[in-house]
N, C-alpha and C. Protein backbone atom coordinates (compact mmCIF):
# COMPACT_ATOMS: atom_id res chain seq x y z
N UNK A 1 79.89 -155.40 -147.57
CA UNK A 1 80.71 -155.25 -146.37
C UNK A 1 81.92 -154.38 -146.68
N UNK A 2 82.12 -153.37 -145.89
CA UNK A 2 83.27 -152.50 -146.08
C UNK A 2 84.45 -152.96 -145.24
N UNK A 3 85.61 -152.57 -145.65
CA UNK A 3 86.84 -152.91 -144.91
C UNK A 3 86.96 -151.97 -143.72
N UNK A 4 87.24 -152.52 -142.59
CA UNK A 4 87.40 -151.74 -141.37
C UNK A 4 88.84 -151.23 -141.31
N UNK A 5 89.07 -150.03 -141.85
CA UNK A 5 90.42 -149.49 -141.96
C UNK A 5 91.12 -149.32 -140.62
N UNK A 6 90.47 -148.83 -139.59
CA UNK A 6 91.19 -148.69 -138.31
C UNK A 6 91.75 -150.02 -137.80
N UNK A 7 91.00 -151.11 -137.95
CA UNK A 7 91.50 -152.41 -137.49
C UNK A 7 92.69 -152.86 -138.32
N UNK A 8 92.64 -152.62 -139.63
CA UNK A 8 93.77 -153.00 -140.49
C UNK A 8 95.01 -152.19 -140.13
N UNK A 9 94.83 -150.91 -139.93
CA UNK A 9 95.97 -150.04 -139.57
C UNK A 9 96.56 -150.48 -138.24
N UNK A 10 95.73 -150.75 -137.26
CA UNK A 10 96.22 -151.20 -135.96
C UNK A 10 96.96 -152.53 -136.08
N UNK A 11 96.41 -153.44 -136.87
CA UNK A 11 97.06 -154.74 -137.06
C UNK A 11 98.42 -154.57 -137.72
N UNK A 12 98.50 -153.74 -138.74
CA UNK A 12 99.76 -153.51 -139.45
C UNK A 12 100.77 -152.86 -138.51
N UNK A 13 100.34 -151.84 -137.78
CA UNK A 13 101.24 -151.16 -136.85
C UNK A 13 101.71 -152.10 -135.75
N UNK A 14 100.85 -152.93 -135.23
CA UNK A 14 101.23 -153.91 -134.20
C UNK A 14 102.26 -154.89 -134.73
N UNK A 15 102.02 -155.36 -135.95
CA UNK A 15 102.96 -156.31 -136.56
C UNK A 15 104.32 -155.67 -136.77
N UNK A 16 104.33 -154.44 -137.28
CA UNK A 16 105.61 -153.73 -137.50
C UNK A 16 106.32 -153.45 -136.18
N UNK A 17 105.57 -153.06 -135.17
CA UNK A 17 106.16 -152.81 -133.86
C UNK A 17 106.81 -154.08 -133.31
N UNK A 18 106.11 -155.20 -133.39
CA UNK A 18 106.66 -156.47 -132.92
C UNK A 18 107.91 -156.82 -133.70
N UNK A 19 107.87 -156.67 -135.02
CA UNK A 19 109.00 -157.02 -135.88
C UNK A 19 110.23 -156.19 -135.51
N UNK A 20 110.06 -154.86 -135.41
CA UNK A 20 111.21 -154.01 -135.11
C UNK A 20 111.71 -154.19 -133.68
N UNK A 21 110.82 -154.42 -132.74
CA UNK A 21 111.28 -154.66 -131.37
C UNK A 21 112.05 -155.96 -131.27
N UNK A 22 111.69 -156.96 -132.07
CA UNK A 22 112.44 -158.22 -132.09
C UNK A 22 113.84 -158.01 -132.65
N UNK A 23 113.94 -157.19 -133.69
CA UNK A 23 115.25 -156.89 -134.27
C UNK A 23 116.14 -156.17 -133.26
N UNK A 24 115.57 -155.18 -132.58
CA UNK A 24 116.34 -154.42 -131.60
C UNK A 24 116.77 -155.31 -130.45
N UNK A 25 115.88 -156.16 -129.96
CA UNK A 25 116.22 -157.06 -128.85
C UNK A 25 117.35 -157.99 -129.24
N UNK A 26 117.32 -158.54 -130.44
CA UNK A 26 118.37 -159.44 -130.89
C UNK A 26 119.69 -158.70 -131.02
N UNK A 27 119.66 -157.51 -131.59
CA UNK A 27 120.88 -156.75 -131.81
C UNK A 27 121.49 -156.26 -130.51
N UNK A 28 120.67 -156.05 -129.47
CA UNK A 28 121.21 -155.47 -128.25
C UNK A 28 121.46 -156.48 -127.14
N UNK A 29 121.24 -157.77 -127.38
CA UNK A 29 121.51 -158.77 -126.35
C UNK A 29 122.96 -158.73 -125.89
N UNK A 30 123.90 -158.65 -126.84
CA UNK A 30 125.30 -158.60 -126.45
C UNK A 30 125.58 -157.33 -125.67
N UNK A 31 124.91 -156.22 -126.02
CA UNK A 31 125.08 -154.99 -125.27
C UNK A 31 124.52 -155.15 -123.85
N UNK A 32 123.43 -155.87 -123.72
CA UNK A 32 122.85 -156.12 -122.39
C UNK A 32 123.84 -156.89 -121.53
N UNK A 33 124.37 -157.98 -122.07
CA UNK A 33 125.30 -158.79 -121.28
C UNK A 33 126.60 -158.04 -120.99
N UNK A 34 127.07 -157.27 -121.95
CA UNK A 34 128.27 -156.47 -121.70
C UNK A 34 128.00 -155.44 -120.61
N UNK A 35 126.86 -154.78 -120.68
CA UNK A 35 126.50 -153.78 -119.66
C UNK A 35 126.37 -154.42 -118.28
N UNK A 36 125.76 -155.59 -118.23
CA UNK A 36 125.64 -156.29 -116.95
C UNK A 36 127.01 -156.72 -116.43
N UNK A 37 127.87 -157.19 -117.32
CA UNK A 37 129.22 -157.60 -116.92
C UNK A 37 129.98 -156.40 -116.35
N UNK A 38 129.85 -155.27 -117.00
CA UNK A 38 130.52 -154.05 -116.52
C UNK A 38 129.95 -153.64 -115.16
N UNK A 39 128.63 -153.64 -115.04
CA UNK A 39 127.99 -153.24 -113.78
C UNK A 39 128.49 -154.11 -112.62
N UNK A 40 128.52 -155.41 -112.81
CA UNK A 40 128.95 -156.31 -111.73
C UNK A 40 130.45 -156.18 -111.47
N UNK A 41 131.23 -155.97 -112.51
CA UNK A 41 132.68 -155.80 -112.32
C UNK A 41 132.98 -154.50 -111.58
N UNK A 42 132.23 -153.45 -111.89
CA UNK A 42 132.42 -152.18 -111.17
C UNK A 42 132.12 -152.35 -109.69
N UNK A 43 131.06 -153.07 -109.38
CA UNK A 43 130.71 -153.32 -107.98
C UNK A 43 131.78 -154.17 -107.31
N UNK A 44 132.29 -155.17 -108.04
CA UNK A 44 133.37 -156.01 -107.50
C UNK A 44 134.60 -155.15 -107.21
N UNK A 45 134.91 -154.26 -108.12
CA UNK A 45 136.08 -153.39 -107.95
C UNK A 45 135.93 -152.51 -106.70
N UNK A 46 134.76 -151.95 -106.51
CA UNK A 46 134.51 -151.10 -105.34
C UNK A 46 134.73 -151.91 -104.06
N UNK A 47 134.18 -153.12 -104.02
CA UNK A 47 134.35 -153.95 -102.81
C UNK A 47 135.79 -154.41 -102.66
N UNK A 48 136.46 -154.66 -103.76
CA UNK A 48 137.87 -155.05 -103.68
C UNK A 48 138.73 -153.95 -103.09
N UNK A 49 138.47 -152.72 -103.51
CA UNK A 49 139.24 -151.58 -102.96
C UNK A 49 138.96 -151.39 -101.48
N UNK A 50 137.78 -151.82 -101.05
CA UNK A 50 137.42 -151.71 -99.62
C UNK A 50 137.90 -152.93 -98.84
N UNK A 51 138.50 -153.92 -99.55
CA UNK A 51 138.99 -155.11 -98.87
C UNK A 51 137.94 -156.17 -98.62
N UNK A 52 136.80 -156.07 -99.26
CA UNK A 52 135.71 -157.04 -99.09
C UNK A 52 135.86 -158.16 -100.11
N UNK A 53 136.75 -159.07 -99.84
CA UNK A 53 137.10 -160.12 -100.81
C UNK A 53 135.92 -161.02 -101.16
N UNK A 54 135.14 -161.42 -100.19
CA UNK A 54 134.02 -162.32 -100.47
C UNK A 54 132.98 -161.66 -101.37
N UNK A 55 132.71 -160.39 -101.14
CA UNK A 55 131.75 -159.68 -101.96
C UNK A 55 132.32 -159.45 -103.35
N UNK A 56 133.62 -159.14 -103.43
CA UNK A 56 134.28 -159.02 -104.73
C UNK A 56 134.11 -160.31 -105.51
N UNK A 57 134.33 -161.43 -104.85
CA UNK A 57 134.21 -162.73 -105.50
C UNK A 57 132.81 -162.94 -106.08
N UNK A 58 131.79 -162.63 -105.30
CA UNK A 58 130.41 -162.80 -105.77
C UNK A 58 130.13 -161.97 -107.01
N UNK A 59 130.52 -160.72 -106.98
CA UNK A 59 130.24 -159.84 -108.12
C UNK A 59 131.12 -160.18 -109.33
N UNK A 60 132.34 -160.58 -109.09
CA UNK A 60 133.21 -161.00 -110.21
C UNK A 60 132.63 -162.24 -110.89
N UNK A 61 132.07 -163.15 -110.12
CA UNK A 61 131.45 -164.34 -110.71
C UNK A 61 130.22 -163.97 -111.56
N UNK A 62 129.42 -163.04 -111.07
CA UNK A 62 128.27 -162.58 -111.86
C UNK A 62 128.73 -161.87 -113.13
N UNK A 63 129.77 -161.09 -113.02
CA UNK A 63 130.32 -160.41 -114.19
C UNK A 63 130.81 -161.42 -115.21
N UNK A 64 131.47 -162.46 -114.74
CA UNK A 64 131.99 -163.51 -115.63
C UNK A 64 130.85 -164.19 -116.38
N UNK A 65 129.76 -164.47 -115.71
CA UNK A 65 128.61 -165.11 -116.36
C UNK A 65 128.13 -164.25 -117.54
N UNK A 66 128.00 -162.96 -117.31
CA UNK A 66 127.51 -162.07 -118.36
C UNK A 66 128.56 -161.86 -119.46
N UNK A 67 129.82 -161.80 -119.08
CA UNK A 67 130.88 -161.65 -120.09
C UNK A 67 130.92 -162.86 -121.02
N UNK A 68 130.75 -164.05 -120.45
CA UNK A 68 130.72 -165.26 -121.28
C UNK A 68 129.49 -165.27 -122.19
N UNK A 69 128.37 -164.81 -121.68
CA UNK A 69 127.16 -164.73 -122.52
C UNK A 69 127.37 -163.75 -123.67
N UNK A 70 128.00 -162.63 -123.39
CA UNK A 70 128.28 -161.65 -124.45
C UNK A 70 129.24 -162.24 -125.47
N UNK A 71 130.25 -162.96 -125.00
CA UNK A 71 131.21 -163.59 -125.91
C UNK A 71 130.51 -164.61 -126.80
N UNK A 72 129.63 -165.41 -126.23
CA UNK A 72 128.90 -166.41 -127.02
C UNK A 72 128.02 -165.75 -128.07
N UNK A 73 127.36 -164.68 -127.71
CA UNK A 73 126.49 -164.00 -128.66
C UNK A 73 127.27 -163.27 -129.74
N UNK A 74 128.48 -162.88 -129.42
CA UNK A 74 129.33 -162.23 -130.41
C UNK A 74 130.13 -163.25 -131.19
N UNK A 75 129.89 -164.51 -130.94
CA UNK A 75 130.57 -165.63 -131.62
C UNK A 75 132.09 -165.55 -131.45
N UNK A 76 132.52 -165.03 -130.32
CA UNK A 76 133.95 -164.99 -130.04
C UNK A 76 134.73 -164.07 -130.95
N UNK A 77 134.03 -163.19 -131.66
CA UNK A 77 134.71 -162.35 -132.64
C UNK A 77 135.32 -161.08 -132.05
N UNK A 78 135.13 -160.88 -130.78
CA UNK A 78 135.65 -159.67 -130.15
C UNK A 78 136.65 -160.03 -129.06
N UNK A 79 137.89 -159.82 -129.36
CA UNK A 79 138.98 -160.18 -128.46
C UNK A 79 138.87 -159.48 -127.11
N UNK A 80 138.29 -158.29 -127.10
CA UNK A 80 138.19 -157.53 -125.85
C UNK A 80 137.37 -158.29 -124.81
N UNK A 81 136.33 -158.98 -125.25
CA UNK A 81 135.50 -159.74 -124.31
C UNK A 81 136.29 -160.95 -123.81
N UNK A 82 136.97 -161.61 -124.72
CA UNK A 82 137.79 -162.77 -124.33
C UNK A 82 138.86 -162.36 -123.33
N UNK A 83 139.51 -161.23 -123.58
CA UNK A 83 140.53 -160.74 -122.65
C UNK A 83 139.93 -160.38 -121.29
N UNK A 84 138.75 -159.80 -121.30
CA UNK A 84 138.12 -159.45 -120.02
C UNK A 84 137.77 -160.71 -119.24
N UNK A 85 137.36 -161.76 -119.94
CA UNK A 85 137.04 -163.04 -119.28
C UNK A 85 138.27 -163.60 -118.59
N UNK A 86 139.42 -163.55 -119.26
CA UNK A 86 140.66 -164.04 -118.65
C UNK A 86 140.97 -163.30 -117.36
N UNK A 87 140.78 -161.98 -117.37
CA UNK A 87 141.05 -161.20 -116.16
C UNK A 87 140.02 -161.46 -115.07
N UNK A 88 138.77 -161.66 -115.44
CA UNK A 88 137.76 -161.99 -114.43
C UNK A 88 138.07 -163.34 -113.79
N UNK A 89 138.51 -164.30 -114.59
CA UNK A 89 138.88 -165.61 -114.03
C UNK A 89 140.06 -165.47 -113.07
N UNK A 90 141.02 -164.63 -113.43
CA UNK A 90 142.15 -164.37 -112.53
C UNK A 90 141.68 -163.68 -111.26
N UNK A 91 140.78 -162.72 -111.40
CA UNK A 91 140.25 -162.01 -110.23
C UNK A 91 139.55 -162.98 -109.28
N UNK A 92 138.78 -163.89 -109.85
CA UNK A 92 138.08 -164.89 -109.03
C UNK A 92 139.09 -165.80 -108.32
N UNK A 93 140.10 -166.23 -109.05
CA UNK A 93 141.12 -167.11 -108.45
C UNK A 93 141.82 -166.40 -107.29
N UNK A 94 142.17 -165.14 -107.48
CA UNK A 94 142.85 -164.39 -106.40
C UNK A 94 141.90 -164.11 -105.24
N UNK A 95 140.63 -163.85 -105.54
CA UNK A 95 139.66 -163.61 -104.47
C UNK A 95 139.46 -164.86 -103.62
N UNK A 96 139.49 -166.02 -104.27
CA UNK A 96 139.36 -167.27 -103.52
C UNK A 96 140.55 -167.50 -102.60
N UNK A 97 141.70 -166.91 -102.98
CA UNK A 97 142.89 -166.99 -102.13
C UNK A 97 142.95 -165.83 -101.15
N UNK A 98 141.87 -165.04 -101.14
CA UNK A 98 141.74 -163.86 -100.27
C UNK A 98 142.80 -162.82 -100.53
N UNK A 99 143.24 -162.69 -101.78
CA UNK A 99 144.19 -161.67 -102.21
C UNK A 99 143.41 -160.53 -102.86
N UNK A 100 142.92 -159.63 -102.04
CA UNK A 100 142.06 -158.55 -102.50
C UNK A 100 142.76 -157.63 -103.50
N UNK A 101 144.03 -157.35 -103.26
CA UNK A 101 144.78 -156.44 -104.13
C UNK A 101 144.89 -156.98 -105.56
N UNK A 102 145.31 -158.23 -105.70
CA UNK A 102 145.45 -158.83 -107.03
C UNK A 102 144.09 -159.02 -107.70
N UNK A 103 143.08 -159.40 -106.92
CA UNK A 103 141.75 -159.58 -107.46
C UNK A 103 141.20 -158.25 -107.99
N UNK A 104 141.42 -157.19 -107.24
CA UNK A 104 140.96 -155.87 -107.66
C UNK A 104 141.71 -155.42 -108.92
N UNK A 105 142.98 -155.68 -108.98
CA UNK A 105 143.79 -155.32 -110.15
C UNK A 105 143.26 -156.03 -111.41
N UNK A 106 142.97 -157.31 -111.30
CA UNK A 106 142.44 -158.05 -112.46
C UNK A 106 141.03 -157.60 -112.81
N UNK A 107 140.24 -157.26 -111.83
CA UNK A 107 138.90 -156.73 -112.10
C UNK A 107 139.01 -155.42 -112.87
N UNK A 108 139.94 -154.58 -112.47
CA UNK A 108 140.16 -153.31 -113.17
C UNK A 108 140.58 -153.54 -114.61
N UNK A 109 141.45 -154.51 -114.83
CA UNK A 109 141.88 -154.85 -116.19
C UNK A 109 140.70 -155.35 -117.01
N UNK A 110 139.87 -156.19 -116.41
CA UNK A 110 138.69 -156.71 -117.12
C UNK A 110 137.78 -155.55 -117.53
N UNK A 111 137.59 -154.60 -116.62
CA UNK A 111 136.76 -153.44 -116.93
C UNK A 111 137.31 -152.64 -118.10
N UNK A 112 138.62 -152.47 -118.13
CA UNK A 112 139.24 -151.73 -119.24
C UNK A 112 138.90 -152.39 -120.57
N UNK A 113 139.01 -153.70 -120.64
CA UNK A 113 138.69 -154.41 -121.89
C UNK A 113 137.20 -154.33 -122.21
N UNK A 114 136.34 -154.48 -121.21
CA UNK A 114 134.91 -154.47 -121.44
C UNK A 114 134.42 -153.12 -121.93
N UNK A 115 135.06 -152.07 -121.48
CA UNK A 115 134.61 -150.71 -121.82
C UNK A 115 135.02 -150.27 -123.22
N UNK A 116 135.93 -151.00 -123.86
CA UNK A 116 136.31 -150.65 -125.22
C UNK A 116 135.12 -150.87 -126.13
N UNK A 117 134.88 -149.93 -127.05
CA UNK A 117 133.73 -150.10 -127.95
C UNK A 117 133.93 -151.29 -128.90
N UNK A 118 132.81 -151.88 -129.29
CA UNK A 118 132.84 -152.98 -130.26
C UNK A 118 133.03 -152.37 -131.64
N UNK A 119 134.05 -152.82 -132.33
CA UNK A 119 134.31 -152.35 -133.69
C UNK A 119 134.06 -153.52 -134.62
N UNK A 120 133.07 -153.37 -135.48
CA UNK A 120 132.71 -154.46 -136.39
C UNK A 120 133.49 -154.33 -137.67
């Protein structure tokens, strides 16, 4: 019986592909949550500038969820995420009081912190 080389090569390549894709997925989870937090905060900011407080509130809450997930995955080692969370919480508090201007200001501050690159 001879060894079926194409099957072995395919098996090895499949295993390596799975291994490397798992590494990339693990390494980029915090980037995913940071990107989602930024996306939702940008949308909140747009609605805040338009005076849509309820919509700002919804998007700020979604941004906060992702920012907290990014912070957890980074083990709290990045102050920029923690600072952005504080501003998102302030934005939500002001949006609940229907203060669009203050909520938008805090959302903008949160975005500034989130957009800073991660320095390891």
